[in-house]
Amino acid sequence: MKKLPLGIQTFKKIRDKNENYLYVDKTEIAKNLIERGTYYFLSRPRRFGKSLFLDTLKEIFEGNRELFKGLHIYDTWDWSVTYPVIKFSFGAGVLKDKKD
């Protein structure tokens, strides 16, 4: 039986065959959002997969094709083109004072 990927925020770890995690393919949705090319505001409660979805987009843009084998986007994306990705994480920051 596949394990639920609770708390896993990286697409690479979920797709690792040694980990045996359950993954629901959302790459068709990701591709549709990318192709529409507009602005998006991801407003979901905590633990709803926002970080995992953004990491999935990062892996797509960086051209990591092998991670997507067996998923919708594998045969429909142009993997010969890659894009630079800048990632900011505010999760580890600690604000101690207003001056910080």
PDB file of N, CA and C in Angstrom:
ATOM      1  N   MET A   1       0.844  -1.177   0.000  1.00  0.00           N
ATOM      2  CA  MET A   1       0.000   0.000   0.000  1.00  0.00           C
ATOM      3  C   MET A   1       0.891   1.244   0.000  1.00  0.00           C
ATOM      4  N   LYS A   2       0.512   2.210  -0.800  1.00  0.00           N
ATOM      5  CA  LYS A   2       1.286   3.449  -0.885  1.00  0.00           C
ATOM      6  C   LYS A   2       1.054   4.309   0.348  1.00  0.00           C
ATOM      7  N   LYS A   3       2.116   5.044   0.733  1.00  0.00           N
ATOM      8  CA  LYS A   3       2.054   5.921   1.896  1.00  0.00           C
ATOM      9  C   LYS A   3       1.497   7.285   1.486  1.00  0.00           C
ATOM     10  N   LEU A   4       0.801   7.939   2.407  1.00  0.00           N
ATOM     11  CA  LEU A   4       0.346   9.310   2.182  1.00  0.00           C
ATOM     12  C   LEU A   4       1.518  10.250   2.443  1.00  0.00           C
ATOM     13  N   PRO A   5       1.760  11.199   1.554  1.00  0.00           N
ATOM     14  CA  PRO A   5       2.919  12.090   1.706  1.00  0.00           C
ATOM     15  C   PRO A   5       2.643  13.277   2.632  1.00  0.00           C
ATOM     16  N   LEU A   6       2.310  13.002   3.872  1.00  0.00           N
ATOM     17  CA  LEU A   6       1.981  14.067   4.816  1.00  0.00           C
ATOM     18  C   LEU A   6       3.220  14.892   5.147  1.00  0.00           C
ATOM     19  N   GLY A   7       3.128  16.196   4.956  1.00  0.00           N
ATOM     20  CA  GLY A   7       4.221  17.099   5.277  1.00  0.00           C
ATOM     21  C   GLY A   7       5.341  17.152   4.250  1.00  0.00           C
ATOM     22  N   ILE A   8       5.244  16.397   3.156  1.00  0.00           N
ATOM     23  CA  ILE A   8       6.280  16.398   2.121  1.00  0.00           C
ATOM     24  C   ILE A   8       6.017  17.579   1.188  1.00  0.00           C
ATOM     25  N   GLN A   9       7.028  18.424   0.996  1.00  0.00           N
ATOM     26  CA  GLN A   9       6.844  19.627   0.189  1.00  0.00           C
ATOM     27  C   GLN A   9       7.656  19.615  -1.090  1.00  0.00           C
ATOM     28  N   THR A  10       8.365  18.530  -1.366  1.00  0.00           N
ATOM     29  CA  THR A  10       9.167  18.487  -2.587  1.00  0.00           C
ATOM     30  C   THR A  10       8.647  17.406  -3.522  1.00  0.00           C
ATOM     31  N   PHE A  11       8.452  17.790  -4.761  1.00  0.00           N
ATOM     32  CA  PHE A  11       7.945  16.882  -5.784  1.00  0.00           C
ATOM     33  C   PHE A  11       8.908  15.719  -6.002  1.00  0.00           C
ATOM     34  N   LYS A  12      10.202  16.013  -5.966  1.00  0.00           N
ATOM     35  CA  LYS A  12      11.219  14.987  -6.196  1.00  0.00           C
ATOM     36  C   LYS A  12      11.106  13.859  -5.167  1.00  0.00           C
ATOM     37  N   LYS A  13      10.884  14.201  -3.902  1.00  0.00           N
ATOM     38  CA  LYS A  13      10.780  13.176  -2.858  1.00  0.00           C
ATOM     39  C   LYS A  13       9.512  12.337  -3.032  1.00  0.00           C
ATOM     40  N   ILE A  14       8.416  12.967  -3.388  1.00  0.00           N
ATOM     41  CA  ILE A  14       7.169  12.221  -3.582  1.00  0.00           C
ATOM     42  C   ILE A  14       7.289  11.251  -4.754  1.00  0.00           C
ATOM     43  N   ARG A  15       7.981  11.658  -5.804  1.00  0.00           N
ATOM     44  CA  ARG A  15       8.120  10.809  -6.992  1.00  0.00           C
ATOM     45  C   ARG A  15       9.236   9.773  -6.862  1.00  0.00           C
ATOM     46  N   ASP A  16      10.009   9.816  -5.792  1.00  0.00           N
ATOM     47  CA  ASP A  16      11.083   8.844  -5.570  1.00  0.00           C
ATOM     48  C   ASP A  16      10.474   7.451  -5.417  1.00  0.00           C
ATOM     49  N   LYS A  17      10.870   6.531  -6.279  1.00  0.00           N
ATOM     50  CA  LYS A  17      10.298   5.177  -6.275  1.00  0.00           C
ATOM     51  C   LYS A  17      10.580   4.429  -4.975  1.00  0.00           C
ATOM     52  N   ASN A  18      11.671   4.748  -4.300  1.00  0.00           N
ATOM     53  CA  ASN A  18      12.008   4.085  -3.040  1.00  0.00           C
ATOM     54  C   ASN A  18      11.084   4.505  -1.900  1.00  0.00           C
ATOM     55  N   GLU A  19      10.471   5.669  -2.016  1.00  0.00           N
ATOM     56  CA  GLU A  19       9.595   6.178  -0.954  1.00  0.00           C
ATOM     57  C   GLU A  19       8.179   5.610  -1.038  1.00  0.00           C
ATOM     58  N   ASN A  20       7.705   5.277  -2.239  1.00  0.00           N
ATOM     59  CA  ASN A  20       6.386   4.666  -2.447  1.00  0.00           C
ATOM     60  C   ASN A  20       5.234   5.540  -1.923  1.00  0.00           C
ATOM     61  N   TYR A  21       5.265   6.826  -2.281  1.00  0.00           N
ATOM     62  CA  TYR A  21       4.199   7.738  -1.869  1.00  0.00           C
ATOM     63  C   TYR A  21       3.075   7.772  -2.900  1.00  0.00           C
ATOM     64  N   LEU A  22       1.874   8.007  -2.423  1.00  0.00           N
ATOM     65  CA  LEU A  22       0.711   8.207  -3.283  1.00  0.00           C
ATOM     66  C   LEU A  22       0.774   9.627  -3.846  1.00  0.00           C
ATOM     67  N   TYR A  23       0.557   9.770  -5.145  1.00  0.00           N
ATOM     68  CA  TYR A  23       0.541  11.100  -5.769  1.00  0.00           C
ATOM     69  C   TYR A  23      -0.623  11.178  -6.743  1.00  0.00           C
ATOM     70  N   VAL A  24      -1.450  12.203  -6.585  1.00  0.00           N
ATOM     71  CA  VAL A  24      -2.555  12.460  -7.504  1.00  0.00           C
ATOM     72  C   VAL A  24      -2.035  13.426  -8.566  1.00  0.00           C
ATOM     73  N   ASP A  25      -2.087  13.010  -9.824  1.00  0.00           N
ATOM     74  CA  ASP A  25      -1.523  13.784 -10.928  1.00  0.00           C
ATOM     75  C   ASP A  25      -2.303  15.076 -11.163  1.00  0.00           C
ATOM     76  N   LYS A  26      -1.651  16.201 -10.880  1.00  0.00           N
ATOM     77  CA  LYS A  26      -2.247  17.516 -11.123  1.00  0.00           C
ATOM     78  C   LYS A  26      -1.488  18.263 -12.210  1.00  0.00           C
ATOM     79  N   THR A  27      -0.679  17.532 -12.988  1.00  0.00           N
ATOM     80  CA  THR A  27       0.151  18.205 -13.988  1.00  0.00           C
ATOM     81  C   THR A  27      -0.661  18.755 -15.160  1.00  0.00           C
ATOM     82  N   GLU A  28      -1.818  18.190 -15.429  1.00  0.00           N
ATOM     83  CA  GLU A  28      -2.670  18.761 -16.481  1.00  0.00           C
ATOM     84  C   GLU A  28      -3.154  20.148 -16.059  1.00  0.00           C
ATOM     85  N   ILE A  29      -3.522  20.280 -14.796  1.00  0.00           N
ATOM     86  CA  ILE A  29      -3.944  21.579 -14.264  1.00  0.00           C
ATOM     87  C   ILE A  29      -2.775  22.559 -14.300  1.00  0.00           C
ATOM     88  N   ALA A  30      -1.592  22.089 -13.896  1.00  0.00           N
ATOM     89  CA  ALA A  30      -0.401  22.946 -13.913  1.00  0.00           C
ATOM     90  C   ALA A  30      -0.114  23.443 -15.326  1.00  0.00           C
ATOM     91  N   LYS A  31      -0.189  22.554 -16.289  1.00  0.00           N
ATOM     92  CA  LYS A  31       0.071  22.928 -17.689  1.00  0.00           C
ATOM     93  C   LYS A  31      -0.948  23.961 -18.173  1.00  0.00           C
ATOM     94  N   ASN A  32      -2.206  23.782 -17.822  1.00  0.00           N
ATOM     95  CA  ASN A  32      -3.241  24.753 -18.205  1.00  0.00           C
ATOM     96  C   ASN A  32      -2.965  26.128 -17.596  1.00  0.00           C
ATOM     97  N   LEU A  33      -2.559  26.158 -16.330  1.00  0.00           N
ATOM     98  CA  LEU A  33      -2.241  27.435 -15.686  1.00  0.00           C
ATOM     99  C   LEU A  33      -1.046  28.105 -16.357  1.00  0.00           C
ATOM    100  N   ILE A  34      -0.029  27.315 -16.684  1.00  0.00           N
ATOM    101  CA  ILE A  34       1.166  27.857 -17.343  1.00  0.00           C
ATOM    102  C   ILE A  34       0.803  28.433 -18.705  1.00  0.00           C
ATOM    103  N   GLU A  35       0.010  27.714 -19.474  1.00  0.00           N
ATOM    104  CA  GLU A  35      -0.328  28.146 -20.831  1.00  0.00           C
ATOM    105  C   GLU A  35      -1.208  29.388 -20.856  1.00  0.00           C
ATOM    106  N   ARG A  36      -2.006  29.589 -19.835  1.00  0.00           N
ATOM    107  CA  ARG A  36      -2.857  30.788 -19.791  1.00  0.00           C
ATOM    108  C   ARG A  36      -2.029  32.030 -19.503  1.00  0.00           C
ATOM    109  N   GLY A  37      -0.910  31.858 -18.823  1.00  0.00           N
ATOM    110  CA  GLY A  37       0.062  32.917 -18.627  1.00  0.00           C
ATOM    111  C   GLY A  37      -0.437  34.215 -18.045  1.00  0.00           C
ATOM    112  N   THR A  38      -1.098  34.159 -16.937  1.00  0.00           N
ATOM    113  CA  THR A  38      -1.554  35.373 -16.271  1.00  0.00           C
ATOM    114  C   THR A  38      -1.080  35.324 -14.817  1.00  0.00           C
ATOM    115  N   TYR A  39      -1.588  36.199 -13.980  1.00  0.00           N
ATOM    116  CA  TYR A  39      -1.191  36.237 -12.577  1.00  0.00           C
ATOM    117  C   TYR A  39      -2.118  35.357 -11.753  1.00  0.00           C
ATOM    118  N   TYR A  40      -1.540  34.726 -10.732  1.00  0.00           N
ATOM    119  CA  TYR A  40      -2.332  33.866  -9.857  1.00  0.00           C
ATOM    120  C   TYR A  40      -2.020  34.185  -8.407  1.00  0.00           C
ATOM    121  N   PHE A  41      -3.039  34.111  -7.584  1.00  0.00           N
ATOM    122  CA  PHE A  41      -2.885  34.265  -6.145  1.00  0.00           C
ATOM    123  C   PHE A  41      -3.329  32.954  -5.518  1.00  0.00           C
ATOM    124  N   LEU A  42      -2.407  32.254  -4.886  1.00  0.00           N
ATOM    125  CA  LEU A  42      -2.727  30.960  -4.273  1.00  0.00           C
ATOM    126  C   LEU A  42      -3.158  31.182  -2.830  1.00  0.00           C
ATOM    127  N   SER A  43      -4.426  31.189  -2.619  1.00  0.00           N
ATOM    128  CA  SER A  43      -4.976  31.410  -1.290  1.00  0.00           C
ATOM    129  C   SER A  43      -5.675  30.139  -0.824  1.00  0.00           C
ATOM    130  N   ARG A  44      -4.981  29.365  -0.036  1.00  0.00           N
ATOM    131  CA  ARG A  44      -5.529  28.131   0.523  1.00  0.00           C
ATOM    132  C   ARG A  44      -5.096  28.053   1.983  1.00  0.00           C
ATOM    133  N   PRO A  45      -5.817  27.313   2.788  1.00  0.00           N
ATOM    134  CA  PRO A  45      -5.399  27.148   4.190  1.00  0.00           C
ATOM    135  C   PRO A  45      -4.053  26.427   4.296  1.00  0.00           C
ATOM    136  N   ARG A  46      -3.495  26.455   5.473  1.00  0.00           N
ATOM    137  CA  ARG A  46      -2.247  25.739   5.729  1.00  0.00           C
ATOM    138  C   ARG A  46      -2.418  24.260   5.410  1.00  0.00           C
ATOM    139  N   ARG A  47      -1.327  23.647   4.947  1.00  0.00           N
ATOM    140  CA  ARG A  47      -1.265  22.204   4.680  1.00  0.00           C
ATOM    141  C   ARG A  47      -2.149  21.766   3.506  1.00  0.00           C
ATOM    142  N   PHE A  48      -2.444  22.667   2.576  1.00  0.00           N
ATOM    143  CA  PHE A  48      -3.280  22.330   1.422  1.00  0.00           C
ATOM    144  C   PHE A  48      -2.481  22.077   0.153  1.00  0.00           C
ATOM    145  N   GLY A  49      -1.151  21.994   0.254  1.00  0.00           N
ATOM    146  CA  GLY A  49      -0.335  21.633  -0.893  1.00  0.00           C
ATOM    147  C   GLY A  49       0.178  22.778  -1.742  1.00  0.00           C
ATOM    148  N   LYS A  50       0.155  24.002  -1.210  1.00  0.00           N
ATOM    149  CA  LYS A  50       0.653  25.144  -1.990  1.00  0.00           C
ATOM    150  C   LYS A  50       2.139  24.990  -2.300  1.00  0.00           C
ATOM    151  N   SER A  51       2.931  24.657  -1.301  1.00  0.00           N
ATOM    152  CA  SER A  51       4.383  24.513  -1.499  1.00  0.00           C
ATOM    153  C   SER A  51       4.699  23.368  -2.444  1.00  0.00           C
ATOM    154  N   LEU A  52       3.993  22.263  -2.312  1.00  0.00           N
ATOM    155  CA  LEU A  52       4.214  21.125  -3.206  1.00  0.00           C
ATOM    156  C   LEU A  52       3.861  21.497  -4.647  1.00  0.00           C
ATOM    157  N   PHE A  53       2.775  22.222  -4.840  1.00  0.00           N
ATOM    158  CA  PHE A  53       2.387  22.628  -6.189  1.00  0.00           C
ATOM    159  C   PHE A  53       3.435  23.555  -6.805  1.00  0.00           C
ATOM    160  N   LEU A  54       3.936  24.508  -6.023  1.00  0.00           N
ATOM    161  CA  LEU A  54       4.965  25.413  -6.535  1.00  0.00           C
ATOM    162  C   LEU A  54       6.260  24.663  -6.827  1.00  0.00           C
ATOM    163  N   ASP A  55       6.590  23.667  -6.009  1.00  0.00           N
ATOM    164  CA  ASP A  55       7.778  22.860  -6.270  1.00  0.00           C
ATOM    165  C   ASP A  55       7.591  22.028  -7.542  1.00  0.00           C
ATOM    166  N   THR A  56       6.370  21.575  -7.784  1.00  0.00           N
ATOM    167  CA  THR A  56       6.072  20.855  -9.028  1.00  0.00           C
ATOM    168  C   THR A  56       6.303  21.768 -10.232  1.00  0.00           C
ATOM    169  N   LEU A  57       5.837  23.011 -10.149  1.00  0.00           N
ATOM    170  CA  LEU A  57       6.077  23.974 -11.228  1.00  0.00           C
ATOM    171  C   LEU A  57       7.573  24.210 -11.423  1.00  0.00           C
ATOM    172  N   LYS A  58       8.315  24.304 -10.332  1.00  0.00           N
ATOM    173  CA  LYS A  58       9.766  24.497 -10.407  1.00  0.00           C
ATOM    174  C   LYS A  58      10.425  23.361 -11.169  1.00  0.00           C
ATOM    175  N   GLU A  59      10.036  22.129 -10.861  1.00  0.00           N
ATOM    176  CA  GLU A  59      10.623  20.964 -11.534  1.00  0.00           C
ATOM    177  C   GLU A  59      10.258  20.946 -13.025  1.00  0.00           C
ATOM    178  N   ILE A  60       9.052  21.383 -13.351  1.00  0.00           N
ATOM    179  CA  ILE A  60       8.653  21.472 -14.764  1.00  0.00           C
ATOM    180  C   ILE A  60       9.528  22.496 -15.479  1.00  0.00           C
ATOM    181  N   PHE A  61       9.644  23.697 -14.913  1.00  0.00           N
ATOM    182  CA  PHE A  61      10.413  24.765 -15.556  1.00  0.00           C
ATOM    183  C   PHE A  61      11.897  24.439 -15.656  1.00  0.00           C
ATOM    184  N   GLU A  62      12.424  23.683 -14.697  1.00  0.00           N
ATOM    185  CA  GLU A  62      13.838  23.307 -14.747  1.00  0.00           C
ATOM    186  C   GLU A  62      14.089  22.141 -15.698  1.00  0.00           C
ATOM    187  N   GLY A  63      13.016  21.559 -16.232  1.00  0.00           N
ATOM    188  CA  GLY A  63      13.150  20.513 -17.241  1.00  0.00           C
ATOM    189  C   GLY A  63      13.491  19.137 -16.706  1.00  0.00           C
ATOM    190  N   ASN A  64      13.100  18.835 -15.487  1.00  0.00           N
ATOM    191  CA  ASN A  64      13.386  17.534 -14.880  1.00  0.00           C
ATOM    192  C   ASN A  64      12.376  16.487 -15.343  1.00  0.00           C
ATOM    193  N   ARG A  65      12.480  16.125 -16.598  1.00  0.00           N
ATOM    194  CA  ARG A  65      11.503  15.266 -17.279  1.00  0.00           C
ATOM    195  C   ARG A  65      11.287  13.919 -16.595  1.00  0.00           C
ATOM    196  N   GLU A  66      12.345  13.284 -16.135  1.00  0.00           N
ATOM    197  CA  GLU A  66      12.227  11.929 -15.579  1.00  0.00           C
ATOM    198  C   GLU A  66      11.313  11.869 -14.359  1.00  0.00           C
ATOM    199  N   LEU A  67      11.186  12.963 -13.628  1.00  0.00           N
ATOM    200  CA  LEU A  67      10.289  12.988 -12.470  1.00  0.00           C
ATOM    201  C   LEU A  67       8.824  12.856 -12.875  1.00  0.00           C
ATOM    202  N   PHE A  68       8.520  13.165 -14.127  1.00  0.00           N
ATOM    203  CA  PHE A  68       7.135  13.218 -14.591  1.00  0.00           C
ATOM    204  C   PHE A  68       6.728  12.008 -15.429  1.00  0.00           C
ATOM    205  N   LYS A  69       7.581  11.002 -15.468  1.00  0.00           N
ATOM    206  CA  LYS A  69       7.265   9.793 -16.240  1.00  0.00           C
ATOM    207  C   LYS A  69       5.970   9.176 -15.709  1.00  0.00           C
ATOM    208  N   GLY A  70       5.038   8.915 -16.622  1.00  0.00           N
ATOM    209  CA  GLY A  70       3.751   8.339 -16.252  1.00  0.00           C
ATOM    210  C   GLY A  70       2.682   9.366 -15.912  1.00  0.00           C
ATOM    211  N   LEU A  71       3.040  10.647 -15.928  1.00  0.00           N
ATOM    212  CA  LEU A  71       2.079  11.706 -15.628  1.00  0.00           C
ATOM    213  C   LEU A  71       1.645  12.408 -16.916  1.00  0.00           C
ATOM    214  N   HIS A  72       0.557  13.141 -16.842  1.00  0.00           N
ATOM    215  CA  HIS A  72      -0.029  13.794 -18.023  1.00  0.00           C
ATOM    216  C   HIS A  72       0.976  14.661 -18.778  1.00  0.00           C
ATOM    217  N   ILE A  73       1.755  15.428 -18.064  1.00  0.00           N
ATOM    218  CA  ILE A  73       2.618  16.427 -18.708  1.00  0.00           C
ATOM    219  C   ILE A  73       3.834  15.807 -19.398  1.00  0.00           C
ATOM    220  N   TYR A  74       4.159  14.576 -19.091  1.00  0.00           N
ATOM    221  CA  TYR A  74       5.376  13.937 -19.610  1.00  0.00           C
ATOM    222  C   TYR A  74       5.465  13.999 -21.132  1.00  0.00           C
ATOM    223  N   ASP A  75       4.389  13.674 -21.817  1.00  0.00           N
ATOM    224  CA  ASP A  75       4.394  13.649 -23.285  1.00  0.00           C
ATOM    225  C   ASP A  75       3.876  14.934 -23.930  1.00  0.00           C
ATOM    226  N   THR A  76       3.414  15.882 -23.132  1.00  0.00           N
ATOM    227  CA  THR A  76       2.804  17.083 -23.706  1.00  0.00           C
ATOM    228  C   THR A  76       3.631  18.350 -23.499  1.00  0.00           C
ATOM    229  N   TRP A  77       4.703  18.282 -22.751  1.00  0.00           N
ATOM    230  CA  TRP A  77       5.528  19.457 -22.449  1.00  0.00           C
ATOM    231  C   TRP A  77       6.790  19.433 -23.301  1.00  0.00           C
ATOM    232  N   ASP A  78       7.265  20.606 -23.708  1.00  0.00           N
ATOM    233  CA  ASP A  78       8.518  20.717 -24.462  1.00  0.00           C
ATOM    234  C   ASP A  78       9.680  20.755 -23.467  1.00  0.00           C
ATOM    235  N   TRP A  79      10.272  19.605 -23.211  1.00  0.00           N
ATOM    236  CA  TRP A  79      11.329  19.475 -22.206  1.00  0.00           C
ATOM    237  C   TRP A  79      12.670  20.026 -22.679  1.00  0.00           C
ATOM    238  N   SER A  80      12.778  20.382 -23.954  1.00  0.00           N
ATOM    239  CA  SER A  80      14.043  20.930 -24.456  1.00  0.00           C
ATOM    240  C   SER A  80      14.236  22.384 -24.028  1.00  0.00           C
ATOM    241  N   VAL A  81      13.169  23.021 -23.564  1.00  0.00           N
ATOM    242  CA  VAL A  81      13.238  24.411 -23.123  1.00  0.00           C
ATOM    243  C   VAL A  81      13.164  24.440 -21.599  1.00  0.00           C
ATOM    244  N   THR A  82      14.137  25.097 -20.974  1.00  0.00           N
ATOM    245  CA  THR A  82      14.113  25.251 -19.519  1.00  0.00           C
ATOM    246  C   THR A  82      14.064  26.733 -19.172  1.00  0.00           C
ATOM    247  N   TYR A  83      13.651  27.011 -17.960  1.00  0.00           N
ATOM    248  CA  TYR A  83      13.508  28.383 -17.497  1.00  0.00           C
ATOM    249  C   TYR A  83      14.190  28.522 -16.144  1.00  0.00           C
ATOM    250  N   PRO A  84      14.819  29.676 -15.878  1.00  0.00           N
ATOM    251  CA  PRO A  84      15.416  29.876 -14.554  1.00  0.00           C
ATOM    252  C   PRO A  84      14.317  30.028 -13.504  1.00  0.00           C
ATOM    253  N   VAL A  85      14.575  29.500 -12.323  1.00  0.00           N
ATOM    254  CA  VAL A  85      13.602  29.556 -11.234  1.00  0.00           C
ATOM    255  C   VAL A  85      14.270  30.193 -10.021  1.00  0.00           C
ATOM    256  N   ILE A  86      13.631  31.195  -9.461  1.00  0.00           N
ATOM    257  CA  ILE A  86      14.091  31.809  -8.215  1.00  0.00           C
ATOM    258  C   ILE A  86      13.084  31.427  -7.144  1.00  0.00           C
ATOM    259  N   LYS A  87      13.587  30.854  -6.059  1.00  0.00           N
ATOM    260  CA  LYS A  87      12.687  30.367  -5.007  1.00  0.00           C
ATOM    261  C   LYS A  87      12.953  31.122  -3.703  1.00  0.00           C
ATOM    262  N   PHE A  88      11.894  31.694  -3.145  1.00  0.00           N
ATOM    263  CA  PHE A  88      11.955  32.351  -1.847  1.00  0.00           C
ATOM    264  C   PHE A  88      11.160  31.513  -0.859  1.00  0.00           C
ATOM    265  N   SER A  89      11.696  31.343   0.331  1.00  0.00           N
ATOM    266  CA  SER A  89      10.963  30.633   1.373  1.00  0.00           C
ATOM    267  C   SER A  89      10.870  31.529   2.600  1.00  0.00           C
ATOM    268  N   PHE A  90       9.655  31.803   3.008  1.00  0.00           N
ATOM    269  CA  PHE A  90       9.442  32.599   4.209  1.00  0.00           C
ATOM    270  C   PHE A  90       9.121  31.710   5.407  1.00  0.00           C
ATOM    271  N   GLY A  91       9.098  30.409   5.197  1.00  0.00           N
ATOM    272  CA  GLY A  91       8.737  29.470   6.248  1.00  0.00           C
ATOM    273  C   GLY A  91       9.741  29.377   7.371  1.00  0.00           C
ATOM    274  N   ALA A  92      11.016  29.610   7.105  1.00  0.00           N
ATOM    275  CA  ALA A  92      12.051  29.457   8.125  1.00  0.00           C
ATOM    276  C   ALA A  92      12.355  30.768   8.838  1.00  0.00           C
ATOM    277  N   GLY A  93      11.784  31.861   8.380  1.00  0.00           N
ATOM    278  CA  GLY A  93      12.079  33.161   8.975  1.00  0.00           C
ATOM    279  C   GLY A  93      11.407  33.342  10.321  1.00  0.00           C
ATOM    280  N   VAL A  94      12.121  34.018  11.218  1.00  0.00           N
ATOM    281  CA  VAL A  94      11.578  34.304  12.542  1.00  0.00           C
ATOM    282  C   VAL A  94      11.684  35.808  12.768  1.00  0.00           C
ATOM    283  N   LEU A  95      10.569  36.441  12.993  1.00  0.00           N
ATOM    284  CA  LEU A  95      10.538  37.870  13.263  1.00  0.00           C
ATOM    285  C   LEU A  95      10.447  38.054  14.767  1.00  0.00           C
ATOM    286  N   LYS A  96      11.491  38.652  15.348  1.00  0.00           N
ATOM    287  CA  LYS A  96      11.530  38.825  16.800  1.00  0.00           C
ATOM    288  C   LYS A  96      11.064  40.211  17.224  1.00  0.00           C
ATOM    289  N   ASP A  97      11.233  41.175  16.325  1.00  0.00           N
ATOM    290  CA  ASP A  97      10.918  42.553  16.653  1.00  0.00           C
ATOM    291  C   ASP A  97      10.438  43.258  15.385  1.00  0.00           C
ATOM    292  N   LYS A  98       9.647  44.284  15.530  1.00  0.00           N
ATOM    293  CA  LYS A  98       9.172  45.037  14.367  1.00  0.00           C
ATOM    294  C   LYS A  98      10.326  45.620  13.566  1.00  0.00           C
ATOM    295  N   LYS A  99      11.436  45.928  14.225  1.00  0.00           N
ATOM    296  CA  LYS A  99      12.600  46.513  13.564  1.00  0.00           C
ATOM    297  C   LYS A  99      13.301  45.509  12.661  1.00  0.00           C
ATOM    298  N   ASP A 100      13.137  44.228  12.933  1.00  0.00           N
ATOM    299  CA  ASP A 100      13.784  43.190  12.120  1.00  0.00           C
ATOM    300  C   ASP A 100      13.147  43.160  10.769  1.00  0.00           C
TER     301      ASP A 100
END
